[in-house]
Structures are given as C-alpha cells and as structure tokens.
C-alpha cells in the first residue's frame, strides 16, 4: 500500500471532479424529489408537512455543503497544477506580502514565484546532445545554424567560431 499516496496525488484532480459530479447530481435529485414531496404534502397540517419535507431539506443542506467543499477542492487541485509565472519581480512582491501578512507567509509565495536556476545556453545544450549521440552531425549543424540565425549568439557568428563548434 506504499504506492497509494502517489496514485491519489496523481489522480486527485479526476477524483475530485468525479466526487463533485456525483454530489451535484445527488443534490439535484434530492432537491427535485424534495420539491415533489413538498407539493404532495401541501394539503396536510403543518406538522405533517414539516415531517415530510425536513429529511429532504436536511439532505439538501448536507449535499450543498459537500458540493461547496468538492468545488473548492477541485479549484485547489486545478490551481496546484497551474504553472505560475516566475520572475524576480514577482518574488519581491510576494516577499513584501509575506512580510506584512501571516497568511501570505504561511503560503510561502516568494519561493513559488522565484525564478528557477539559470537556463542552459542553447549552444551548450546542443553540444551536450550531440556529444551524447542524440543528434547526428547534420542535425547538429542545422540546429546550430538556426540558433545563430535567431540571434541567440550573434557575437559568435564569425566563421572561426562556427568551425570550432562543428569540430567539438
């Protein structure tokens, strides 16, 4: 059973959505049947009417609360999967919010918005993939030309540098 938490975590969005659908459909059914019971009980004395409608109303309240809970869980699961933008500016704003508000500090927002480590240079990535055998020489040269033409490394566009990279 050690793999269970991983399975539930991977499928939390689908499970939450399924629970939300089941509870919402149940709520609609209880409200509909409760309305029919209420209409059928209209001619009865107040005590009999209340006794007939109360279980349906209580069920509707419970299912409404469950619908709200599963809706919030579903939105939370979606938000967890969303890719947040990362930048130093957003991290700084989040750090200021954390300094002023305990709830923001509890969420640890500044680390969520902090930029990830520096990206590897596209030419370095290309050289590494070529050296590991992922790319043929022709593919390496074609991609290298594209990087050079895109302006990613215009300062290295002279022929000697290209030749040095090709011989790597």
C-alpha atoms as a PDB file:
ATOM      1  CA  UNK A   1       0.000   0.000   0.000  1.00  0.00           C
ATOM      2  CA  UNK A   2       3.058   2.265  -0.101  1.00  0.00           C
ATOM      3  CA  UNK A   3       2.202   3.391  -3.670  1.00  0.00           C
ATOM      4  CA  UNK A   4      -1.272   4.628  -2.717  1.00  0.00           C
ATOM      5  CA  UNK A   5      -0.400   8.234  -1.784  1.00  0.00           C
ATOM      6  CA  UNK A   6       1.343   8.688  -5.129  1.00  0.00           C
ATOM      7  CA  UNK A   7      -1.649   7.308  -7.004  1.00  0.00           C
ATOM      8  CA  UNK A   8      -4.095   9.531  -5.141  1.00  0.00           C
ATOM      9  CA  UNK A   9      -1.881  12.562  -5.664  1.00  0.00           C
ATOM     10  CA  UNK A  10      -1.590  11.885  -9.408  1.00  0.00           C
ATOM     11  CA  UNK A  11      -5.342  11.365  -9.773  1.00  0.00           C
ATOM     12  CA  UNK A  12      -6.594  13.968  -7.283  1.00  0.00           C
ATOM     13  CA  UNK A  13      -7.990  16.252  -9.977  1.00  0.00           C
ATOM     14  CA  UNK A  14     -10.019  13.495 -11.625  1.00  0.00           C
ATOM     15  CA  UNK A  15     -11.206  12.057  -8.316  1.00  0.00           C
ATOM     16  CA  UNK A  16     -12.246  15.477  -7.057  1.00  0.00           C
ATOM     17  CA  UNK A  17     -14.114  16.188 -10.287  1.00  0.00           C
ATOM     18  CA  UNK A  18     -15.863  12.810 -10.112  1.00  0.00           C
ATOM     19  CA  UNK A  19     -16.902  13.425  -6.497  1.00  0.00           C
ATOM     20  CA  UNK A  20     -18.129  16.898  -7.442  1.00  0.00           C
ATOM     21  CA  UNK A  21     -20.262  15.499 -10.261  1.00  0.00           C
ATOM     22  CA  UNK A  22     -21.723  12.717  -8.085  1.00  0.00           C
ATOM     23  CA  UNK A  23     -22.548  15.077  -5.217  1.00  0.00           C
ATOM     24  CA  UNK A  24     -24.008  17.714  -7.570  1.00  0.00           C
ATOM     25  CA  UNK A  25     -26.249  15.203  -9.346  1.00  0.00           C
ATOM     26  CA  UNK A  26     -27.316  13.811  -5.963  1.00  0.00           C
ATOM     27  CA  UNK A  27     -28.135  17.334  -4.805  1.00  0.00           C
ATOM     28  CA  UNK A  28     -30.290  17.927  -7.865  1.00  0.00           C
ATOM     29  CA  UNK A  29     -32.095  14.636  -7.269  1.00  0.00           C
ATOM     30  CA  UNK A  30     -32.720  15.362  -3.586  1.00  0.00           C
ATOM     31  CA  UNK A  31     -33.958  18.884  -4.325  1.00  0.00           C
ATOM     32  CA  UNK A  32     -36.231  17.601  -7.106  1.00  0.00           C
ATOM     33  CA  UNK A  33     -37.691  14.773  -5.056  1.00  0.00           C
ATOM     34  CA  UNK A  34     -37.975  17.043  -2.022  1.00  0.00           C
ATOM     35  CA  UNK A  35     -39.936  19.533  -4.100  1.00  0.00           C
ATOM     36  CA  UNK A  36     -42.290  16.770  -5.218  1.00  0.00           C
ATOM     37  CA  UNK A  37     -42.768  15.630  -1.611  1.00  0.00           C
ATOM     38  CA  UNK A  38     -43.419  19.222  -0.569  1.00  0.00           C
ATOM     39  CA  UNK A  39     -46.011  19.678  -3.319  1.00  0.00           C
ATOM     40  CA  UNK A  40     -47.708  16.410  -2.369  1.00  0.00           C
ATOM     41  CA  UNK A  41     -47.774  17.447   1.296  1.00  0.00           C
ATOM     42  CA  UNK A  42     -49.271  20.908   0.780  1.00  0.00           C
ATOM     43  CA  UNK A  43     -52.767  19.909   1.867  1.00  0.00           C
ATOM     44  CA  UNK A  44     -51.589  18.327   5.121  1.00  0.00           C
ATOM     45  CA  UNK A  45     -51.328  20.024   8.512  1.00  0.00           C
ATOM     46  CA  UNK A  46     -48.143  21.974   9.218  1.00  0.00           C
ATOM     47  CA  UNK A  47     -46.623  19.288  11.461  1.00  0.00           C
ATOM     48  CA  UNK A  48     -47.127  16.572   8.843  1.00  0.00           C
ATOM     49  CA  UNK A  49     -45.781  18.868   6.111  1.00  0.00           C
ATOM     50  CA  UNK A  50     -42.655  19.639   8.143  1.00  0.00           C
ATOM     51  CA  UNK A  51     -42.137  15.946   8.959  1.00  0.00           C
ATOM     52  CA  UNK A  52     -42.377  15.059   5.265  1.00  0.00           C
ATOM     53  CA  UNK A  53     -40.102  17.845   3.986  1.00  0.00           C
ATOM     54  CA  UNK A  54     -37.480  18.004   6.781  1.00  0.00           C
ATOM     55  CA  UNK A  55     -35.441  14.900   5.736  1.00  0.00           C
ATOM     56  CA  UNK A  56     -35.251  16.178   2.165  1.00  0.00           C
ATOM     57  CA  UNK A  57     -34.253  19.672   3.296  1.00  0.00           C
ATOM     58  CA  UNK A  58     -31.593  18.267   5.654  1.00  0.00           C
ATOM     59  CA  UNK A  59     -30.223  16.087   2.836  1.00  0.00           C
ATOM     60  CA  UNK A  60     -30.144  19.096   0.518  1.00  0.00           C
ATOM     61  CA  UNK A  61     -28.194  21.129   3.098  1.00  0.00           C
ATOM     62  CA  UNK A  62     -25.637  18.328   3.590  1.00  0.00           C
ATOM     63  CA  UNK A  63     -25.226  17.834  -0.153  1.00  0.00           C
ATOM     64  CA  UNK A  64     -24.907  21.601  -0.686  1.00  0.00           C
ATOM     65  CA  UNK A  65     -22.073  21.740   1.838  1.00  0.00           C
ATOM     66  CA  UNK A  66     -20.392  18.760   0.143  1.00  0.00           C
ATOM     67  CA  UNK A  67     -20.808  20.413  -3.261  1.00  0.00           C
ATOM     68  CA  UNK A  68     -19.114  23.567  -1.980  1.00  0.00           C
ATOM     69  CA  UNK A  69     -16.301  21.539  -0.391  1.00  0.00           C
ATOM     70  CA  UNK A  70     -15.663  19.490  -3.539  1.00  0.00           C
ATOM     71  CA  UNK A  71     -15.864  22.629  -5.696  1.00  0.00           C
ATOM     72  CA  UNK A  72     -13.168  24.251  -3.570  1.00  0.00           C
ATOM     73  CA  UNK A  73     -11.053  21.087  -3.666  1.00  0.00           C
ATOM     74  CA  UNK A  74     -11.422  20.932  -7.447  1.00  0.00           C
ATOM     75  CA  UNK A  75     -10.370  24.568  -7.870  1.00  0.00           C
ATOM     76  CA  UNK A  76      -7.461  23.977  -5.473  1.00  0.00           C
ATOM     77  CA  UNK A  77      -6.368  20.900  -7.472  1.00  0.00           C
ATOM     78  CA  UNK A  78      -6.503  22.941 -10.680  1.00  0.00           C
ATOM     79  CA  UNK A  79      -4.530  25.763  -9.095  1.00  0.00           C
ATOM     80  CA  UNK A  80      -1.860  23.346  -7.875  1.00  0.00           C
ATOM     81  CA  UNK A  81      -1.348  22.151 -11.427  1.00  0.00           C
ATOM     82  CA  UNK A  82      -1.238  25.642 -12.918  1.00  0.00           C
ATOM     83  CA  UNK A  83       2.133  26.915 -13.968  1.00  0.00           C
ATOM     84  CA  UNK A  84       2.814  30.101 -12.116  1.00  0.00           C
ATOM     85  CA  UNK A  85       4.879  32.791 -13.777  1.00  0.00           C
ATOM     86  CA  UNK A  86       8.313  33.109 -12.201  1.00  0.00           C
ATOM     87  CA  UNK A  87      10.392  36.241 -12.040  1.00  0.00           C
ATOM     88  CA  UNK A  88      12.471  38.177  -9.585  1.00  0.00           C
ATOM     89  CA  UNK A  89       9.902  40.989  -9.604  1.00  0.00           C
ATOM     90  CA  UNK A  90       7.044  38.635  -8.639  1.00  0.00           C
ATOM     91  CA  UNK A  91       9.244  37.082  -5.964  1.00  0.00           C
ATOM     92  CA  UNK A  92       9.958  40.516  -4.497  1.00  0.00           C
ATOM     93  CA  UNK A  93       6.253  41.439  -4.444  1.00  0.00           C
ATOM     94  CA  UNK A  94       5.415  38.118  -2.773  1.00  0.00           C
ATOM     95  CA  UNK A  95       8.186  38.651  -0.204  1.00  0.00           C
ATOM     96  CA  UNK A  96       6.669  42.052   0.678  1.00  0.00           C
ATOM     97  CA  UNK A  97       3.244  40.433   1.069  1.00  0.00           C
ATOM     98  CA  UNK A  98       4.769  37.749   3.294  1.00  0.00           C
ATOM     99  CA  UNK A  99       6.371  40.395   5.485  1.00  0.00           C
ATOM    100  CA  UNK A 100       3.025  42.142   6.015  1.00  0.00           C
ATOM    101  CA  UNK A 101       0.625  39.177   6.201  1.00  0.00           C
ATOM    102  CA  UNK A 102       0.867  35.943   8.130  1.00  0.00           C
ATOM    103  CA  UNK A 103      -1.355  34.086   5.655  1.00  0.00           C
ATOM    104  CA  UNK A 104       0.963  35.000   2.792  1.00  0.00           C
ATOM    105  CA  UNK A 105       3.969  33.853   4.821  1.00  0.00           C
ATOM    106  CA  UNK A 106       2.213  30.549   5.506  1.00  0.00           C
ATOM    107  CA  UNK A 107       1.736  30.031   1.760  1.00  0.00           C
ATOM    108  CA  UNK A 108       5.454  30.657   1.101  1.00  0.00           C
ATOM    109  CA  UNK A 109       4.615  32.609  -2.029  1.00  0.00           C
ATOM    110  CA  UNK A 110       8.047  34.099  -2.593  1.00  0.00           C
ATOM    111  CA  UNK A 111       9.583  30.688  -3.218  1.00  0.00           C
ATOM    112  CA  UNK A 112       6.752  29.791  -5.598  1.00  0.00           C
ATOM    113  CA  UNK A 113       7.395  32.892  -7.700  1.00  0.00           C
ATOM    114  CA  UNK A 114      11.187  32.807  -7.520  1.00  0.00           C
ATOM    115  CA  UNK A 115      12.822  32.163 -10.877  1.00  0.00           C
ATOM    116  CA  UNK A 116      14.324  28.748 -11.354  1.00  0.00           C
ATOM    117  CA  UNK A 117      18.049  28.318 -11.806  1.00  0.00           C
ATOM    118  CA  UNK A 118      19.741  29.840 -14.829  1.00  0.00           C
ATOM    119  CA  UNK A 119      18.811  28.260 -18.128  1.00  0.00           C
ATOM    120  CA  UNK A 120      21.482  26.430 -20.022  1.00  0.00           C
ATOM    121  CA  UNK A 121      22.821  28.184 -23.091  1.00  0.00           C
ATOM    122  CA  UNK A 122      21.139  26.760 -26.222  1.00  0.00           C
ATOM    123  CA  UNK A 123      24.510  26.105 -27.875  1.00  0.00           C
ATOM    124  CA  UNK A 124      25.727  24.275 -24.758  1.00  0.00           C
ATOM    125  CA  UNK A 125      22.567  22.158 -24.765  1.00  0.00           C
ATOM    126  CA  UNK A 126      23.096  21.398 -28.444  1.00  0.00           C
ATOM    127  CA  UNK A 127      26.747  20.432 -27.889  1.00  0.00           C
ATOM    128  CA  UNK A 128      25.806  18.173 -24.982  1.00  0.00           C
ATOM    129  CA  UNK A 129      23.106  16.412 -27.028  1.00  0.00           C
ATOM    130  CA  UNK A 130      25.498  15.982 -29.977  1.00  0.00           C
ATOM    131  CA  UNK A 131      28.244  14.603 -27.729  1.00  0.00           C
ATOM    132  CA  UNK A 132      25.835  12.091 -26.180  1.00  0.00           C
ATOM    133  CA  UNK A 133      24.797  10.848 -29.629  1.00  0.00           C
ATOM    134  CA  UNK A 134      21.237  12.209 -29.557  1.00  0.00           C
ATOM    135  CA  UNK A 135      21.878  14.278 -32.694  1.00  0.00           C
ATOM    136  CA  UNK A 136      23.584  13.448 -35.954  1.00  0.00           C
ATOM    137  CA  UNK A 137      26.225  15.804 -37.309  1.00  0.00           C
ATOM    138  CA  UNK A 138      23.818  17.122 -39.936  1.00  0.00           C
ATOM    139  CA  UNK A 139      21.107  17.718 -37.321  1.00  0.00           C
ATOM    140  CA  UNK A 140      23.651  19.415 -35.048  1.00  0.00           C
ATOM    141  CA  UNK A 141      24.761  21.769 -37.830  1.00  0.00           C
ATOM    142  CA  UNK A 142      21.192  22.538 -38.893  1.00  0.00           C
ATOM    143  CA  UNK A 143      20.154  23.414 -35.347  1.00  0.00           C
ATOM    144  CA  UNK A 144      23.351  25.372 -34.777  1.00  0.00           C
ATOM    145  CA  UNK A 145      22.614  27.470 -37.878  1.00  0.00           C
ATOM    146  CA  UNK A 146      19.100  28.113 -36.614  1.00  0.00           C
ATOM    147  CA  UNK A 147      20.402  29.263 -33.219  1.00  0.00           C
ATOM    148  CA  UNK A 148      22.976  31.512 -34.865  1.00  0.00           C
ATOM    149  CA  UNK A 149      20.410  32.978 -37.267  1.00  0.00           C
ATOM    150  CA  UNK A 150      17.917  33.584 -34.432  1.00  0.00           C
ATOM    151  CA  UNK A 151      20.350  35.951 -32.804  1.00  0.00           C
ATOM    152  CA  UNK A 152      20.851  33.801 -29.743  1.00  0.00           C
ATOM    153  CA  UNK A 153      24.623  34.158 -30.092  1.00  0.00           C
ATOM    154  CA  UNK A 154      25.290  36.806 -32.719  1.00  0.00           C
ATOM    155  CA  UNK A 155      28.611  37.660 -31.172  1.00  0.00           C
ATOM    156  CA  UNK A 156      29.848  34.189 -32.132  1.00  0.00           C
ATOM    157  CA  UNK A 157      28.631  34.263 -35.701  1.00  0.00           C
ATOM    158  CA  UNK A 158      32.027  34.517 -37.330  1.00  0.00           C
ATOM    159  CA  UNK A 159      33.210  31.507 -39.317  1.00  0.00           C
ATOM    160  CA  UNK A 160      36.078  30.540 -36.959  1.00  0.00           C
ATOM    161  CA  UNK A 161      33.670  30.117 -34.041  1.00  0.00           C
ATOM    162  CA  UNK A 162      31.281  28.052 -36.142  1.00  0.00           C
ATOM    163  CA  UNK A 163      34.130  25.834 -37.228  1.00  0.00           C
ATOM    164  CA  UNK A 164      35.274  25.353 -33.621  1.00  0.00           C
ATOM    165  CA  UNK A 165      31.727  24.331 -32.600  1.00  0.00           C
ATOM    166  CA  UNK A 166      31.437  21.918 -35.525  1.00  0.00           C
ATOM    167  CA  UNK A 167      34.693  20.233 -34.514  1.00  0.00           C
ATOM    168  CA  UNK A 168      33.653  19.838 -30.909  1.00  0.00           C
END
